[in-house]
C-alpha atoms as a PDB file:
ATOM      1  CA  UNK A   1      22.405  -9.674  -0.881  1.00  0.00           C
ATOM      2  CA  UNK A   2      23.209  -5.955  -2.171  1.00  0.00           C
ATOM      3  CA  UNK A   3      24.466  -4.630  -5.043  1.00  0.00           C
ATOM      4  CA  UNK A   4      26.233  -1.363  -4.747  1.00  0.00           C
ATOM      5  CA  UNK A   5      24.395  -0.401  -1.726  1.00  0.00           C
ATOM      6  CA  UNK A   6      20.807  -1.349  -3.245  1.00  0.00           C
ATOM      7  CA  UNK A   7      18.830  -3.866  -0.909  1.00  0.00           C
ATOM      8  CA  UNK A   8      18.143  -6.810  -3.333  1.00  0.00           C
ATOM      9  CA  UNK A   9      14.376  -7.731  -2.125  1.00  0.00           C
ATOM     10  CA  UNK A  10      13.134 -10.914  -3.620  1.00  0.00           C
ATOM     11  CA  UNK A  11       9.300 -11.026  -4.697  1.00  0.00           C
ATOM     12  CA  UNK A  12       7.074 -12.563  -2.462  1.00  0.00           C
ATOM     13  CA  UNK A  13       3.668 -14.005  -2.891  1.00  0.00           C
ATOM     14  CA  UNK A  14       1.417 -11.444  -0.972  1.00  0.00           C
ATOM     15  CA  UNK A  15      -0.079 -12.628   2.528  1.00  0.00           C
ATOM     16  CA  UNK A  16      -3.802 -14.028   2.349  1.00  0.00           C
ATOM     17  CA  UNK A  17      -5.314 -12.614   5.319  1.00  0.00           C
ATOM     18  CA  UNK A  18      -7.674 -14.975   7.585  1.00  0.00           C
ATOM     19  CA  UNK A  19     -10.745 -13.317   8.913  1.00  0.00           C
ATOM     20  CA  UNK A  20      -9.133 -12.747  12.228  1.00  0.00           C
ATOM     21  CA  UNK A  21      -6.384 -10.723  10.613  1.00  0.00           C
ATOM     22  CA  UNK A  22      -8.885  -8.904   8.310  1.00  0.00           C
ATOM     23  CA  UNK A  23     -10.702  -7.879  11.127  1.00  0.00           C
ATOM     24  CA  UNK A  24      -7.871  -6.572  13.387  1.00  0.00           C
ATOM     25  CA  UNK A  25      -6.732  -4.435  10.309  1.00  0.00           C
ATOM     26  CA  UNK A  26      -9.867  -3.102   9.883  1.00  0.00           C
ATOM     27  CA  UNK A  27      -9.904  -0.078  11.837  1.00  0.00           C
ATOM     28  CA  UNK A  28      -9.348   3.090  10.245  1.00  0.00           C
ATOM     29  CA  UNK A  29      -6.481   4.292  12.528  1.00  0.00           C
ATOM     30  CA  UNK A  30      -4.705   0.942  12.160  1.00  0.00           C
ATOM     31  CA  UNK A  31      -5.076   0.943   8.569  1.00  0.00           C
ATOM     32  CA  UNK A  32      -3.517   4.656   8.365  1.00  0.00           C
ATOM     33  CA  UNK A  33      -0.672   3.484  10.702  1.00  0.00           C
ATOM     34  CA  UNK A  34       0.030   0.561   8.537  1.00  0.00           C
ATOM     35  CA  UNK A  35      -0.148   2.902   5.398  1.00  0.00           C
ATOM     36  CA  UNK A  36       2.261   5.586   6.876  1.00  0.00           C
ATOM     37  CA  UNK A  37       4.841   2.903   7.646  1.00  0.00           C
ATOM     38  CA  UNK A  38       4.617   1.726   4.254  1.00  0.00           C
ATOM     39  CA  UNK A  39       5.205   5.276   2.783  1.00  0.00           C
ATOM     40  CA  UNK A  40       7.405   6.759   5.070  1.00  0.00           C
ATOM     41  CA  UNK A  41       9.408   3.744   6.633  1.00  0.00           C
ATOM     42  CA  UNK A  42       9.900   3.157  10.020  1.00  0.00           C
ATOM     43  CA  UNK A  43       8.905   5.686  12.737  1.00  0.00           C
ATOM     44  CA  UNK A  44       7.873   6.319  16.471  1.00  0.00           C
ATOM     45  CA  UNK A  45       4.153   6.119  18.244  1.00  0.00           C
ATOM     46  CA  UNK A  46       4.629   9.822  19.107  1.00  0.00           C
ATOM     47  CA  UNK A  47       5.931  10.549  15.514  1.00  0.00           C
ATOM     48  CA  UNK A  48       3.178   8.917  13.859  1.00  0.00           C
ATOM     49  CA  UNK A  49       0.535  10.648  16.473  1.00  0.00           C
ATOM     50  CA  UNK A  50       1.994  13.871  15.087  1.00  0.00           C
ATOM     51  CA  UNK A  51       1.611  13.121  11.558  1.00  0.00           C
ATOM     52  CA  UNK A  52      -1.902  11.913  11.818  1.00  0.00           C
ATOM     53  CA  UNK A  53      -3.133  14.315  14.515  1.00  0.00           C
ATOM     54  CA  UNK A  54      -3.494  11.485  17.014  1.00  0.00           C
ATOM     55  CA  UNK A  55      -2.751  11.245  20.533  1.00  0.00           C
ATOM     56  CA  UNK A  56       0.639   8.952  21.266  1.00  0.00           C
ATOM     57  CA  UNK A  57      -1.360   6.729  23.597  1.00  0.00           C
ATOM     58  CA  UNK A  58      -3.638   6.026  20.499  1.00  0.00           C
ATOM     59  CA  UNK A  59      -1.157   5.262  18.232  1.00  0.00           C
ATOM     60  CA  UNK A  60       0.639   3.014  20.735  1.00  0.00           C
ATOM     61  CA  UNK A  61      -2.259   1.187  21.579  1.00  0.00           C
ATOM     62  CA  UNK A  62      -3.323   0.487  17.894  1.00  0.00           C
ATOM     63  CA  UNK A  63       0.681  -0.524  16.891  1.00  0.00           C
ATOM     64  CA  UNK A  64       0.669  -3.145  19.483  1.00  0.00           C
ATOM     65  CA  UNK A  65      -2.573  -4.585  18.073  1.00  0.00           C
ATOM     66  CA  UNK A  66      -1.019  -4.870  14.674  1.00  0.00           C
ATOM     67  CA  UNK A  67       2.038  -6.272  15.960  1.00  0.00           C
ATOM     68  CA  UNK A  68      -0.107  -9.056  17.427  1.00  0.00           C
ATOM     69  CA  UNK A  69      -1.280  -9.835  13.986  1.00  0.00           C
ATOM     70  CA  UNK A  70       1.957  -9.824  12.332  1.00  0.00           C
ATOM     71  CA  UNK A  71       1.515  -6.344  10.390  1.00  0.00           C
ATOM     72  CA  UNK A  72       3.941  -4.203  11.939  1.00  0.00           C
ATOM     73  CA  UNK A  73       7.164  -4.774  14.280  1.00  0.00           C
ATOM     74  CA  UNK A  74       9.317  -3.359  16.598  1.00  0.00           C
ATOM     75  CA  UNK A  75      12.888  -2.490  15.419  1.00  0.00           C
ATOM     76  CA  UNK A  76      14.935  -4.251  17.771  1.00  0.00           C
ATOM     77  CA  UNK A  77      18.055  -1.929  19.342  1.00  0.00           C
ATOM     78  CA  UNK A  78      16.522   1.119  18.085  1.00  0.00           C
ATOM     79  CA  UNK A  79      14.946   3.464  20.122  1.00  0.00           C
ATOM     80  CA  UNK A  80      14.383   3.217  23.934  1.00  0.00           C
ATOM     81  CA  UNK A  81      11.708   1.676  26.378  1.00  0.00           C
ATOM     82  CA  UNK A  82       9.627   4.695  26.150  1.00  0.00           C
ATOM     83  CA  UNK A  83      10.303   5.491  22.429  1.00  0.00           C
ATOM     84  CA  UNK A  84       9.948   2.549  20.500  1.00  0.00           C
ATOM     85  CA  UNK A  85      10.573   2.389  16.701  1.00  0.00           C
ATOM     86  CA  UNK A  86       8.045   0.631  14.505  1.00  0.00           C
ATOM     87  CA  UNK A  87       8.139  -0.762  10.998  1.00  0.00           C
ATOM     88  CA  UNK A  88       5.959  -2.517   8.582  1.00  0.00           C
ATOM     89  CA  UNK A  89       6.528  -6.295   8.114  1.00  0.00           C
ATOM     90  CA  UNK A  90       8.105  -6.809   4.755  1.00  0.00           C
ATOM     91  CA  UNK A  91       5.534  -8.208   2.090  1.00  0.00           C
ATOM     92  CA  UNK A  92       2.343  -7.817   0.372  1.00  0.00           C
ATOM     93  CA  UNK A  93      -0.815  -8.553   1.801  1.00  0.00           C
ATOM     94  CA  UNK A  94      -4.198  -9.817  -0.084  1.00  0.00           C
ATOM     95  CA  UNK A  95      -7.197  -8.095   1.478  1.00  0.00           C
ATOM     96  CA  UNK A  96      -9.682  -9.378  -1.311  1.00  0.00           C
ATOM     97  CA  UNK A  97      -9.012 -13.228  -0.727  1.00  0.00           C
ATOM     98  CA  UNK A  98     -11.538 -15.806  -1.718  1.00  0.00           C
ATOM     99  CA  UNK A  99     -12.120 -16.515   1.934  1.00  0.00           C
ATOM    100  CA  UNK A 100     -12.778 -12.969   3.352  1.00  0.00           C
ATOM    101  CA  UNK A 101     -15.278 -12.699   0.446  1.00  0.00           C
ATOM    102  CA  UNK A 102     -17.631 -15.429   1.470  1.00  0.00           C
ATOM    103  CA  UNK A 103     -19.212 -13.617   4.451  1.00  0.00           C
ATOM    104  CA  UNK A 104     -20.924 -10.222   4.792  1.00  0.00           C
ATOM    105  CA  UNK A 105     -18.395  -9.796   7.837  1.00  0.00           C
ATOM    106  CA  UNK A 106     -15.284 -10.540   5.850  1.00  0.00           C
ATOM    107  CA  UNK A 107     -16.661  -8.343   2.841  1.00  0.00           C
ATOM    108  CA  UNK A 108     -17.418  -5.028   5.218  1.00  0.00           C
ATOM    109  CA  UNK A 109     -14.106  -5.552   6.960  1.00  0.00           C
ATOM    110  CA  UNK A 110     -12.417  -5.711   3.441  1.00  0.00           C
ATOM    111  CA  UNK A 111     -14.440  -2.500   2.156  1.00  0.00           C
ATOM    112  CA  UNK A 112     -13.639  -0.414   5.281  1.00  0.00           C
ATOM    113  CA  UNK A 113      -9.680  -1.305   4.711  1.00  0.00           C
ATOM    114  CA  UNK A 114      -9.951  -0.238   0.579  1.00  0.00           C
ATOM    115  CA  UNK A 115     -11.590   2.943   1.920  1.00  0.00           C
ATOM    116  CA  UNK A 116      -8.846   3.661   4.189  1.00  0.00           C
ATOM    117  CA  UNK A 117      -6.314   2.844   1.745  1.00  0.00           C
ATOM    118  CA  UNK A 118      -8.328   4.920  -1.374  1.00  0.00           C
ATOM    119  CA  UNK A 119      -8.023   8.156   1.213  1.00  0.00           C
ATOM    120  CA  UNK A 120      -4.595   7.774   1.820  1.00  0.00           C
ATOM    121  CA  UNK A 121      -3.939   7.345  -2.163  1.00  0.00           C
ATOM    122  CA  UNK A 122      -5.828  10.377  -2.685  1.00  0.00           C
ATOM    123  CA  UNK A 123      -4.341  12.445  -0.401  1.00  0.00           C
ATOM    124  CA  UNK A 124      -0.843  11.790  -1.689  1.00  0.00           C
ATOM    125  CA  UNK A 125      -2.004  12.533  -5.193  1.00  0.00           C
ATOM    126  CA  UNK A 126      -3.350  15.658  -4.281  1.00  0.00           C
ATOM    127  CA  UNK A 127      -0.170  16.861  -2.197  1.00  0.00           C
ATOM    128  CA  UNK A 128       1.712  16.214  -5.122  1.00  0.00           C
ATOM    129  CA  UNK A 129      -0.299  18.020  -7.502  1.00  0.00           C
ATOM    130  CA  UNK A 130      -1.071  21.034  -5.290  1.00  0.00           C
ATOM    131  CA  UNK A 131       2.486  21.296  -4.046  1.00  0.00           C
ATOM    132  CA  UNK A 132       4.878  18.980  -6.112  1.00  0.00           C
ATOM    133  CA  UNK A 133       6.075  21.603  -8.325  1.00  0.00           C
ATOM    134  CA  UNK A 134       7.135  24.131  -5.963  1.00  0.00           C
ATOM    135  CA  UNK A 135       8.664  21.894  -3.336  1.00  0.00           C
ATOM    136  CA  UNK A 136      10.489  19.203  -5.661  1.00  0.00           C
ATOM    137  CA  UNK A 137      13.311  19.740  -8.038  1.00  0.00           C
ATOM    138  CA  UNK A 138      12.110  19.600 -11.681  1.00  0.00           C
ATOM    139  CA  UNK A 139      13.672  16.273 -12.390  1.00  0.00           C
ATOM    140  CA  UNK A 140      11.044  14.855 -10.175  1.00  0.00           C
ATOM    141  CA  UNK A 141       8.029  16.227 -12.109  1.00  0.00           C
ATOM    142  CA  UNK A 142       9.678  14.945 -15.348  1.00  0.00           C
ATOM    143  CA  UNK A 143      10.118  11.453 -13.988  1.00  0.00           C
ATOM    144  CA  UNK A 144       6.514  11.474 -12.857  1.00  0.00           C
ATOM    145  CA  UNK A 145       3.283  10.577 -14.870  1.00  0.00           C
ATOM    146  CA  UNK A 146      -0.255  10.733 -14.116  1.00  0.00           C
ATOM    147  CA  UNK A 147      -2.182   9.083 -16.944  1.00  0.00           C
ATOM    148  CA  UNK A 148      -5.252   7.110 -17.546  1.00  0.00           C
ATOM    149  CA  UNK A 149      -6.214   4.786 -20.583  1.00  0.00           C
ATOM    150  CA  UNK A 150      -9.657   3.750 -21.064  1.00  0.00           C
ATOM    151  CA  UNK A 151     -10.029   0.352 -23.447  1.00  0.00           C
ATOM    152  CA  UNK A 152     -12.578  -2.636 -23.739  1.00  0.00           C
ATOM    153  CA  UNK A 153     -11.214  -5.887 -22.664  1.00  0.00           C
ATOM    154  CA  UNK A 154     -12.386  -9.107 -21.579  1.00  0.00           C
ATOM    155  CA  UNK A 155     -11.734 -10.457 -18.106  1.00  0.00           C
ATOM    156  CA  UNK A 156      -9.185 -12.785 -19.275  1.00  0.00           C
ATOM    157  CA  UNK A 157      -7.473  -9.721 -21.173  1.00  0.00           C
ATOM    158  CA  UNK A 158      -7.329  -7.896 -18.024  1.00  0.00           C
ATOM    159  CA  UNK A 159      -5.759 -10.485 -16.147  1.00  0.00           C
ATOM    160  CA  UNK A 160      -3.161 -10.877 -18.651  1.00  0.00           C
ATOM    161  CA  UNK A 161      -2.335  -7.203 -18.568  1.00  0.00           C
ATOM    162  CA  UNK A 162      -2.307  -7.176 -14.587  1.00  0.00           C
ATOM    163  CA  UNK A 163      -0.097 -10.159 -14.508  1.00  0.00           C
ATOM    164  CA  UNK A 164       2.625  -8.329 -16.733  1.00  0.00           C
ATOM    165  CA  UNK A 165       2.211  -5.166 -14.860  1.00  0.00           C
ATOM    166  CA  UNK A 166       2.849  -7.069 -11.691  1.00  0.00           C
ATOM    167  CA  UNK A 167       6.095  -9.038 -12.815  1.00  0.00           C
ATOM    168  CA  UNK A 168       7.510  -5.333 -14.125  1.00  0.00           C
ATOM    169  CA  UNK A 169       6.847  -4.261 -10.656  1.00  0.00           C
ATOM    170  CA  UNK A 170       8.865  -7.423  -9.189  1.00  0.00           C
ATOM    171  CA  UNK A 171      11.656  -6.516 -11.748  1.00  0.00           C
ATOM    172  CA  UNK A 172      11.819  -2.696 -11.541  1.00  0.00           C
ATOM    173  CA  UNK A 173      10.253  -1.568  -8.237  1.00  0.00           C
ATOM    174  CA  UNK A 174      10.681  -4.361  -5.409  1.00  0.00           C
ATOM    175  CA  UNK A 175      14.596  -4.610  -5.477  1.00  0.00           C
ATOM    176  CA  UNK A 176      14.992  -0.908  -4.495  1.00  0.00           C
ATOM    177  CA  UNK A 177      12.351  -1.288  -1.532  1.00  0.00           C
ATOM    178  CA  UNK A 178      14.682   0.376   1.533  1.00  0.00           C
ATOM    179  CA  UNK A 179      17.579   1.701  -0.409  1.00  0.00           C
ATOM    180  CA  UNK A 180      19.500   4.245   0.677  1.00  0.00           C
ATOM    181  CA  UNK A 181      21.268   5.437  -2.420  1.00  0.00           C
ATOM    182  CA  UNK A 182      21.908   9.302  -2.808  1.00  0.00           C
ATOM    183  CA  UNK A 183      18.819  11.101  -3.858  1.00  0.00           C
ATOM    184  CA  UNK A 184      16.607   8.267  -3.262  1.00  0.00           C
ATOM    185  CA  UNK A 185      13.353   9.263  -1.587  1.00  0.00           C
ATOM    186  CA  UNK A 186       9.888   7.509  -0.752  1.00  0.00           C
ATOM    187  CA  UNK A 187       8.126   7.136  -4.047  1.00  0.00           C
ATOM    188  CA  UNK A 188       4.495   6.092  -4.566  1.00  0.00           C
ATOM    189  CA  UNK A 189       3.297   4.048  -7.317  1.00  0.00           C
ATOM    190  CA  UNK A 190      -0.303   3.568  -7.882  1.00  0.00           C
ATOM    191  CA  UNK A 191      -1.870   0.927 -10.524  1.00  0.00           C
ATOM    192  CA  UNK A 192      -5.625   0.721 -10.797  1.00  0.00           C
ATOM    193  CA  UNK A 193      -6.872  -1.645 -13.610  1.00  0.00           C
ATOM    194  CA  UNK A 194     -10.894  -2.679 -13.298  1.00  0.00           C
ATOM    195  CA  UNK A 195     -13.892  -2.983 -14.964  1.00  0.00           C
ATOM    196  CA  UNK A 196     -16.016   0.130 -15.336  1.00  0.00           C
ATOM    197  CA  UNK A 197     -19.217  -1.289 -13.023  1.00  0.00           C
ATOM    198  CA  UNK A 198     -22.196   0.467 -14.914  1.00  0.00           C
ATOM    199  CA  UNK A 199     -20.907   0.102 -18.227  1.00  0.00           C
ATOM    200  CA  UNK A 200     -22.325  -2.557 -20.635  1.00  0.00           C
ATOM    201  CA  UNK A 201     -20.298  -5.525 -21.367  1.00  0.00           C
ATOM    202  CA  UNK A 202     -20.049  -6.327 -25.178  1.00  0.00           C
ATOM    203  CA  UNK A 203     -22.290  -9.100 -26.438  1.00  0.00           C
ATOM    204  CA  UNK A 204     -20.850 -12.664 -28.126  1.00  0.00           C
ATOM    205  CA  UNK A 205     -20.758 -12.287 -31.822  1.00  0.00           C
ATOM    206  CA  UNK A 206     -24.035 -12.970 -33.545  1.00  0.00           C
ATOM    207  CA  UNK A 207     -26.049 -12.164 -30.588  1.00  0.00           C
ATOM    208  CA  UNK A 208     -28.559  -9.451 -30.903  1.00  0.00           C
END
Protein backbone atom coordinates (compact mmCIF):
# COMPACT_ATOMS: atom_id res chain seq x y z
CA UNK A 1 0.00 0.00 0.00
CA UNK A 2 1.39 3.41 -0.91
CA UNK A 3 0.39 7.00 -0.36
CA UNK A 4 1.64 9.53 -2.93
CA UNK A 5 4.64 7.36 -3.68
CA UNK A 6 5.54 6.79 -0.02
CA UNK A 7 5.71 3.09 0.96
CA UNK A 8 3.52 2.50 3.99
CA UNK A 9 5.32 0.03 6.26
CA UNK A 10 3.33 -1.54 9.06
CA UNK A 11 5.21 -1.68 12.37
CA UNK A 12 6.07 -5.24 13.29
CA UNK A 13 7.41 -6.74 16.52
CA UNK A 14 11.20 -7.14 16.48
CA UNK A 15 12.57 -10.61 15.82
CA UNK A 16 13.95 -12.28 18.94
CA UNK A 17 17.24 -13.87 17.97
CA UNK A 18 17.75 -17.45 19.09
CA UNK A 19 21.22 -18.58 20.08
CA UNK A 20 22.06 -19.93 16.62
CA UNK A 21 21.11 -16.66 14.90
CA UNK A 22 22.80 -14.58 17.58
CA UNK A 23 26.07 -16.47 17.16
CA UNK A 24 25.78 -16.20 13.36
CA UNK A 25 25.55 -12.41 13.57
CA UNK A 26 28.25 -12.01 16.22
CA UNK A 27 31.14 -11.44 13.82
CA UNK A 28 32.46 -7.88 13.37
CA UNK A 29 32.27 -7.92 9.57
CA UNK A 30 28.79 -9.45 9.55
CA UNK A 31 27.50 -6.76 11.89
CA UNK A 32 29.08 -4.12 9.64
CA UNK A 33 27.50 -5.63 6.51
CA UNK A 34 24.11 -5.84 8.18
CA UNK A 35 24.43 -2.25 9.33
CA UNK A 36 25.62 -0.95 5.94
CA UNK A 37 22.58 -2.47 4.25
CA UNK A 38 20.37 -0.95 6.96
CA UNK A 39 21.82 2.55 6.59
CA UNK A 40 22.55 2.81 2.87
CA UNK A 41 20.13 0.32 1.33
CA UNK A 42 20.77 -2.45 -1.23
CA UNK A 43 24.32 -3.04 -2.40
CA UNK A 44 26.59 -5.59 -4.05
CA UNK A 45 29.32 -7.53 -2.30
CA UNK A 46 31.95 -5.57 -4.22
CA UNK A 47 30.31 -2.25 -3.34
CA UNK A 48 30.22 -3.19 0.34
CA UNK A 49 33.82 -4.39 0.16
CA UNK A 50 34.93 -1.04 -1.20
CA UNK A 51 33.04 0.89 1.47
CA UNK A 52 34.42 -1.27 4.29
CA UNK A 53 37.94 -1.75 2.96
CA UNK A 54 37.52 -5.53 2.69
CA UNK A 55 37.90 -8.03 -0.15
CA UNK A 56 34.80 -8.90 -2.18
CA UNK A 57 35.48 -12.56 -1.41
CA UNK A 58 35.15 -11.87 2.31
CA UNK A 59 31.98 -9.81 1.97
CA UNK A 60 30.41 -12.41 -0.36
CA UNK A 61 31.11 -15.20 2.12
CA UNK A 62 29.71 -13.36 5.11
CA UNK A 63 26.65 -12.17 3.18
CA UNK A 64 25.85 -15.79 2.40
CA UNK A 65 26.17 -16.65 6.08
CA UNK A 66 23.83 -13.81 6.98
CA UNK A 67 21.40 -15.03 4.34
CA UNK A 68 21.31 -18.51 5.90
CA UNK A 69 20.04 -17.02 9.13
CA UNK A 70 17.50 -14.63 7.64
CA UNK A 71 19.33 -11.33 8.14
CA UNK A 72 19.82 -10.42 4.48
CA UNK A 73 18.45 -11.63 1.15
CA UNK A 74 19.32 -11.43 -2.50
CA UNK A 75 17.18 -9.09 -4.61
CA UNK A 76 15.62 -11.30 -7.25
CA UNK A 77 15.82 -10.11 -10.83
CA UNK A 78 18.43 -7.49 -9.99
CA UNK A 79 22.07 -7.81 -10.94
CA UNK A 80 23.85 -10.75 -12.58
CA UNK A 81 25.16 -14.13 -11.52
CA UNK A 82 28.55 -12.52 -10.91
CA UNK A 83 27.26 -9.33 -9.27
CA UNK A 84 24.41 -10.11 -6.89
CA UNK A 85 22.51 -7.36 -5.10
CA UNK A 86 21.69 -7.76 -1.41
CA UNK A 87 19.28 -6.09 0.96
CA UNK A 88 18.47 -6.35 4.63
CA UNK A 89 15.41 -8.40 5.51
CA UNK A 90 12.82 -5.86 6.78
CA UNK A 91 11.98 -5.69 10.46
CA UNK A 92 13.83 -5.05 13.69
CA UNK A 93 15.89 -7.53 15.68
CA UNK A 94 15.99 -7.98 19.43
CA UNK A 95 19.59 -8.66 20.41
CA UNK A 96 19.30 -8.62 24.19
CA UNK A 97 16.43 -11.08 24.56
CA UNK A 98 15.93 -12.95 27.86
CA UNK A 99 16.97 -16.20 26.14
CA UNK A 100 20.32 -14.78 25.02
CA UNK A 101 21.03 -13.33 28.46
CA UNK A 102 20.72 -16.71 30.15
CA UNK A 103 24.14 -18.01 29.11
CA UNK A 104 27.66 -16.53 29.07
CA UNK A 105 27.94 -17.39 25.36
CA UNK A 106 24.72 -15.52 24.61
CA UNK A 107 25.77 -12.48 26.61
CA UNK A 108 29.20 -12.46 24.95
CA UNK A 109 27.68 -12.63 21.47
CA UNK A 110 25.20 -9.86 22.25
CA UNK A 111 27.97 -7.65 23.67
CA UNK A 112 30.05 -8.02 20.50
CA UNK A 113 27.08 -7.06 18.33
CA UNK A 114 26.26 -4.06 20.52
CA UNK A 115 29.88 -2.85 20.36
CA UNK A 116 29.98 -3.06 16.57
CA UNK A 117 26.69 -1.19 16.23
CA UNK A 118 28.03 1.44 18.63
CA UNK A 119 31.14 1.92 16.49
CA UNK A 120 28.98 2.40 13.42
CA UNK A 121 26.73 4.90 15.19
CA UNK A 122 29.75 6.85 16.42
CA UNK A 123 31.17 6.94 12.89
CA UNK A 124 27.92 8.32 11.45
CA UNK A 125 27.71 10.98 14.15
CA UNK A 126 31.34 12.02 13.72
CA UNK A 127 30.92 12.30 9.95
CA UNK A 128 27.89 14.55 10.42
CA UNK A 129 29.69 16.75 12.95
CA UNK A 130 32.88 16.98 10.89
CA UNK A 131 31.47 17.33 7.37
CA UNK A 132 27.72 17.87 7.54
CA UNK A 133 27.77 21.66 7.45
CA UNK A 134 30.09 21.71 4.45
CA UNK A 135 28.52 18.93 2.39
CA UNK A 136 24.78 19.20 3.11
CA UNK A 137 22.31 21.99 2.35
CA UNK A 138 21.54 24.26 5.35
CA UNK A 139 18.05 22.85 5.82
CA UNK A 140 19.51 19.51 6.88
CA UNK A 141 21.49 21.13 9.70
CA UNK A 142 18.37 23.02 10.78
CA UNK A 143 16.29 19.83 10.73
CA UNK A 144 18.83 17.87 12.78
CA UNK A 145 19.24 17.86 16.54
CA UNK A 146 21.96 16.52 18.83
CA UNK A 147 20.78 16.66 22.40
CA UNK A 148 21.22 14.98 25.75
CA UNK A 149 18.85 15.16 28.69
CA UNK A 150 19.72 13.90 32.15
CA UNK A 151 17.08 13.11 34.73
CA UNK A 152 16.28 10.91 37.71
CA UNK A 153 13.68 8.24 36.93
CA UNK A 154 12.46 4.92 38.23
CA UNK A 155 12.63 1.86 35.99
CA UNK A 156 8.86 2.09 35.46
CA UNK A 157 9.07 5.76 34.42
CA UNK A 158 11.91 5.03 32.01
CA UNK A 159 9.94 2.12 30.51
CA UNK A 160 6.90 4.37 30.02
CA UNK A 161 9.06 6.95 28.24
CA UNK A 162 10.73 4.34 26.00
CA UNK A 163 7.32 2.92 25.07
CA UNK A 164 6.08 6.41 24.13
CA UNK A 165 9.13 7.02 21.93
CA UNK A 166 8.69 3.62 20.30
CA UNK A 167 5.08 4.52 19.52
CA UNK A 168 6.21 7.82 17.96
CA UNK A 169 8.76 5.96 15.83
CA UNK A 170 6.05 3.60 14.59
CA UNK A 171 3.90 6.61 13.65
CA UNK A 172 6.41 9.09 12.25
CA UNK A 173 9.44 7.07 11.08
CA UNK A 174 8.50 3.55 9.98
CA UNK A 175 6.01 4.69 7.27
CA UNK A 176 8.81 6.43 5.36
CA UNK A 177 11.27 3.52 5.21
CA UNK A 178 12.32 2.94 1.63
CA UNK A 179 10.55 5.96 0.20
CA UNK A 180 11.90 7.48 -3.01
CA UNK A 181 10.30 10.92 -2.75
CA UNK A 182 12.23 13.87 -4.23
CA UNK A 183 14.75 15.20 -1.71
CA UNK A 184 14.63 12.11 0.50
CA UNK A 185 17.96 10.72 1.69
CA UNK A 186 19.14 8.19 4.25
CA UNK A 187 18.58 9.50 7.79
CA UNK A 188 20.05 8.00 10.96
CA UNK A 189 17.86 8.38 14.06
CA UNK A 190 19.52 7.32 17.28
CA UNK A 191 17.72 7.11 20.58
CA UNK A 192 19.52 6.21 23.80
CA UNK A 193 17.80 5.88 27.15
CA UNK A 194 19.54 3.99 29.93
CA UNK A 195 20.41 4.16 33.62
CA UNK A 196 23.83 5.51 34.61
CA UNK A 197 25.54 2.37 35.89
CA UNK A 198 27.77 3.97 38.52
CA UNK A 199 25.09 6.34 39.86
CA UNK A 200 23.45 5.79 43.23
CA UNK A 201 19.80 4.75 43.27
CA UNK A 202 17.47 6.97 45.32
CA UNK A 203 16.39 5.38 48.57
CA UNK A 204 12.76 4.88 49.50
CA UNK A 205 11.09 7.69 51.43
CA UNK A 206 11.75 7.31 55.12
CA UNK A 207 14.91 5.27 54.60
CA UNK A 208 18.10 6.91 55.89
